[in-house]
């Protein structure tokens, strides 16, 4: 039973990393498109992008913490 816990923790961590990578890629691409269209809004868009990046990064960190909890508490 403990082996399946490790597999579940690994899948959870991998999917969290995959989701974060996709999210950051989409966000970065949209940011570059927005700045290319309206360069004068770069500072405002960059500030908002960093706020969203912090929020986007919180979900995978929580998933990693939960997977570590599953691995070491089981």
N, C-alpha and C. Protein backbone atom coordinates (compact mmCIF):
# COMPACT_ATOMS: atom_id res chain seq x y z
N UNK A 1 0.82 -1.21 0.00
CA UNK A 1 0.00 0.00 0.00
C UNK A 1 0.85 1.26 0.00
N UNK A 2 1.99 1.20 0.68
CA UNK A 2 2.86 2.38 0.75
C UNK A 2 3.46 2.71 -0.62
N UNK A 3 3.66 1.67 -1.44
CA UNK A 3 4.22 1.92 -2.77
C UNK A 3 3.28 2.77 -3.61
N UNK A 4 1.99 2.50 -3.48
CA UNK A 4 1.01 3.29 -4.24
C UNK A 4 0.96 4.73 -3.76
N UNK A 5 1.25 4.96 -2.49
CA UNK A 5 1.31 6.32 -1.97
C UNK A 5 2.44 7.09 -2.64
N UNK A 6 3.57 6.42 -2.82
CA UNK A 6 4.70 7.08 -3.49
C UNK A 6 4.38 7.37 -4.95
N UNK A 7 3.69 6.46 -5.60
CA UNK A 7 3.29 6.68 -7.00
C UNK A 7 2.32 7.86 -7.08
N UNK A 8 1.37 7.91 -6.16
CA UNK A 8 0.40 9.01 -6.16
C UNK A 8 1.09 10.34 -5.89
N UNK A 9 2.06 10.35 -4.97
CA UNK A 9 2.79 11.58 -4.67
C UNK A 9 3.61 12.03 -5.88
N UNK A 10 4.21 11.09 -6.57
CA UNK A 10 4.98 11.43 -7.77
C UNK A 10 4.11 11.97 -8.88
N UNK A 11 2.95 11.37 -9.07
CA UNK A 11 2.02 11.86 -10.10
C UNK A 11 1.53 13.26 -9.73
N UNK A 12 1.23 13.47 -8.45
CA UNK A 12 0.76 14.78 -8.00
C UNK A 12 1.81 15.86 -8.24
N UNK A 13 3.05 15.56 -7.90
CA UNK A 13 4.12 16.52 -8.08
C UNK A 13 4.37 16.78 -9.58
N UNK A 14 4.33 15.73 -10.37
CA UNK A 14 4.56 15.90 -11.81
C UNK A 14 3.47 16.70 -12.49
N UNK A 15 2.23 16.44 -12.14
CA UNK A 15 1.13 17.21 -12.74
C UNK A 15 1.15 18.66 -12.28
N UNK A 16 1.56 18.90 -11.04
CA UNK A 16 1.68 20.27 -10.56
C UNK A 16 2.74 21.03 -11.36
N UNK A 17 3.87 20.38 -11.60
CA UNK A 17 4.92 21.02 -12.38
C UNK A 17 4.48 21.25 -13.83
N UNK A 18 3.79 20.29 -14.40
CA UNK A 18 3.30 20.43 -15.76
C UNK A 18 2.30 21.59 -15.87
N UNK A 19 1.37 21.65 -14.94
CA UNK A 19 0.38 22.72 -14.95
C UNK A 19 1.01 24.09 -14.78
N UNK A 20 1.99 24.18 -13.89
CA UNK A 20 2.67 25.46 -13.69
C UNK A 20 3.44 25.87 -14.94
N UNK A 21 4.09 24.93 -15.57
CA UNK A 21 4.83 25.24 -16.80
C UNK A 21 3.92 25.73 -17.91
N UNK A 22 2.79 25.08 -18.08
CA UNK A 22 1.83 25.50 -19.10
C UNK A 22 1.28 26.89 -18.76
N UNK A 23 0.94 27.08 -17.49
CA UNK A 23 0.39 28.38 -17.07
C UNK A 23 1.38 29.52 -17.28
N UNK A 24 2.63 29.31 -16.90
CA UNK A 24 3.63 30.36 -17.09
C UNK A 24 3.91 30.61 -18.56
N UNK A 25 3.89 29.57 -19.35
CA UNK A 25 4.10 29.75 -20.79
C UNK A 25 3.00 30.56 -21.43
N UNK A 26 1.76 30.25 -21.10
CA UNK A 26 0.64 31.02 -21.63
C UNK A 26 0.68 32.47 -21.15
N UNK A 27 0.97 32.65 -19.87
CA UNK A 27 1.00 34.00 -19.33
C UNK A 27 2.11 34.83 -19.96
N UNK A 28 3.29 34.24 -20.11
CA UNK A 28 4.40 34.97 -20.73
C UNK A 28 4.12 35.33 -22.17
N UNK A 29 3.52 34.40 -22.91
CA UNK A 29 3.19 34.68 -24.30
C UNK A 29 2.17 35.78 -24.44
N UNK A 30 1.15 35.76 -23.61
CA UNK A 30 0.13 36.81 -23.66
C UNK A 30 0.70 38.15 -23.24
N UNK A 31 1.63 38.13 -22.27
CA UNK A 31 2.26 39.38 -21.86
C UNK A 31 3.06 39.99 -23.01
N UNK A 32 3.82 39.15 -23.71
CA UNK A 32 4.61 39.66 -24.84
C UNK A 32 3.71 40.17 -25.96
N UNK A 33 2.60 39.50 -26.21
CA UNK A 33 1.66 39.99 -27.22
C UNK A 33 1.08 41.34 -26.82
N UNK A 34 0.73 41.48 -25.56
CA UNK A 34 0.15 42.73 -25.09
C UNK A 34 1.13 43.88 -25.17
N UNK A 35 2.39 43.63 -24.79
CA UNK A 35 3.40 44.68 -24.84
C UNK A 35 3.73 45.03 -26.29
N UNK A 36 3.69 44.06 -27.18
CA UNK A 36 3.97 44.34 -28.59
C UNK A 36 2.87 45.21 -29.19
N UNK A 37 1.64 45.04 -28.72
CA UNK A 37 0.54 45.84 -29.25
C UNK A 37 0.52 47.24 -28.66
N UNK A 38 0.76 47.34 -27.34
CA UNK A 38 0.73 48.64 -26.68
C UNK A 38 1.93 48.78 -25.76
N UNK A 39 3.06 49.20 -26.30
CA UNK A 39 4.29 49.29 -25.49
C UNK A 39 4.19 50.27 -24.33
N UNK A 40 3.33 51.26 -24.44
CA UNK A 40 3.24 52.26 -23.37
C UNK A 40 2.62 51.68 -22.09
N UNK A 41 1.99 50.53 -22.17
CA UNK A 41 1.38 49.91 -20.99
C UNK A 41 2.28 48.84 -20.36
N UNK A 42 3.54 48.80 -20.76
CA UNK A 42 4.42 47.73 -20.30
C UNK A 42 4.56 47.68 -18.79
N UNK A 43 4.77 48.82 -18.14
CA UNK A 43 4.98 48.81 -16.68
C UNK A 43 3.74 48.30 -15.94
N UNK A 44 2.56 48.75 -16.35
CA UNK A 44 1.34 48.31 -15.70
C UNK A 44 1.10 46.82 -15.92
N UNK A 45 1.32 46.37 -17.16
CA UNK A 45 1.12 44.95 -17.47
C UNK A 45 2.13 44.07 -16.75
N UNK A 46 3.35 44.56 -16.63
CA UNK A 46 4.39 43.77 -15.97
C UNK A 46 4.08 43.60 -14.49
N UNK A 47 3.59 44.65 -13.85
CA UNK A 47 3.22 44.57 -12.44
C UNK A 47 2.11 43.54 -12.24
N UNK A 48 1.10 43.61 -13.09
CA UNK A 48 -0.01 42.66 -12.98
C UNK A 48 0.45 41.24 -13.29
N UNK A 49 1.38 41.10 -14.22
CA UNK A 49 1.88 39.77 -14.57
C UNK A 49 2.62 39.14 -13.38
N UNK A 50 3.39 39.94 -12.65
CA UNK A 50 4.11 39.41 -11.50
C UNK A 50 3.16 39.02 -10.37
N UNK A 51 2.08 39.77 -10.20
CA UNK A 51 1.08 39.40 -9.19
C UNK A 51 0.43 38.07 -9.57
N UNK A 52 0.06 37.92 -10.83
CA UNK A 52 -0.56 36.68 -11.28
C UNK A 52 0.44 35.53 -11.21
N UNK A 53 1.71 35.80 -11.48
CA UNK A 53 2.73 34.75 -11.39
C UNK A 53 2.85 34.23 -9.96
N UNK A 54 2.76 35.11 -9.00
CA UNK A 54 2.80 34.68 -7.60
C UNK A 54 1.61 33.82 -7.24
N UNK A 55 0.44 34.20 -7.72
CA UNK A 55 -0.75 33.41 -7.45
C UNK A 55 -0.70 32.08 -8.19
N UNK A 56 -0.18 32.10 -9.40
CA UNK A 56 -0.08 30.88 -10.20
C UNK A 56 0.92 29.90 -9.60
N UNK A 57 1.94 30.43 -8.96
CA UNK A 57 2.97 29.58 -8.38
C UNK A 57 2.53 28.96 -7.06
N UNK A 58 1.52 29.51 -6.44
CA UNK A 58 1.08 29.01 -5.13
C UNK A 58 0.47 27.61 -5.24
N UNK A 59 -0.27 27.34 -6.29
CA UNK A 59 -0.95 26.05 -6.41
C UNK A 59 0.05 24.89 -6.54
N UNK A 60 1.06 24.97 -7.40
CA UNK A 60 2.03 23.86 -7.44
C UNK A 60 2.82 23.69 -6.15
N UNK A 61 3.09 24.79 -5.47
CA UNK A 61 3.81 24.69 -4.19
C UNK A 61 2.97 23.93 -3.18
N UNK A 62 1.68 24.21 -3.14
CA UNK A 62 0.78 23.48 -2.24
C UNK A 62 0.74 22.00 -2.62
N UNK A 63 0.70 21.71 -3.91
CA UNK A 63 0.68 20.32 -4.36
C UNK A 63 1.98 19.60 -3.98
N UNK A 64 3.10 20.26 -4.09
CA UNK A 64 4.38 19.66 -3.70
C UNK A 64 4.41 19.39 -2.20
N UNK A 65 3.91 20.34 -1.42
CA UNK A 65 3.87 20.14 0.03
C UNK A 65 2.98 18.95 0.38
N UNK A 66 1.84 18.84 -0.26
CA UNK A 66 0.95 17.71 0.00
C UNK A 66 1.59 16.38 -0.42
N UNK A 67 2.29 16.38 -1.54
CA UNK A 67 2.94 15.14 -1.97
C UNK A 67 4.07 14.75 -1.02
N UNK A 68 4.81 15.73 -0.53
CA UNK A 68 5.84 15.43 0.47
C UNK A 68 5.23 14.91 1.76
N UNK A 69 4.10 15.47 2.14
CA UNK A 69 3.41 14.98 3.32
C UNK A 69 2.97 13.53 3.13
N UNK A 70 2.46 13.21 1.96
CA UNK A 70 2.05 11.84 1.69
C UNK A 70 3.25 10.87 1.75
N UNK A 71 4.38 11.32 1.21
CA UNK A 71 5.54 10.43 1.17
C UNK A 71 6.15 10.19 2.54
N UNK A 72 6.25 11.24 3.35
CA UNK A 72 6.98 11.10 4.61
C UNK A 72 6.11 10.82 5.81
N UNK A 73 4.81 11.07 5.71
CA UNK A 73 3.93 10.80 6.84
C UNK A 73 3.30 9.41 6.74
N UNK A 74 3.41 8.80 5.57
CA UNK A 74 2.76 7.48 5.39
C UNK A 74 3.59 6.38 5.98
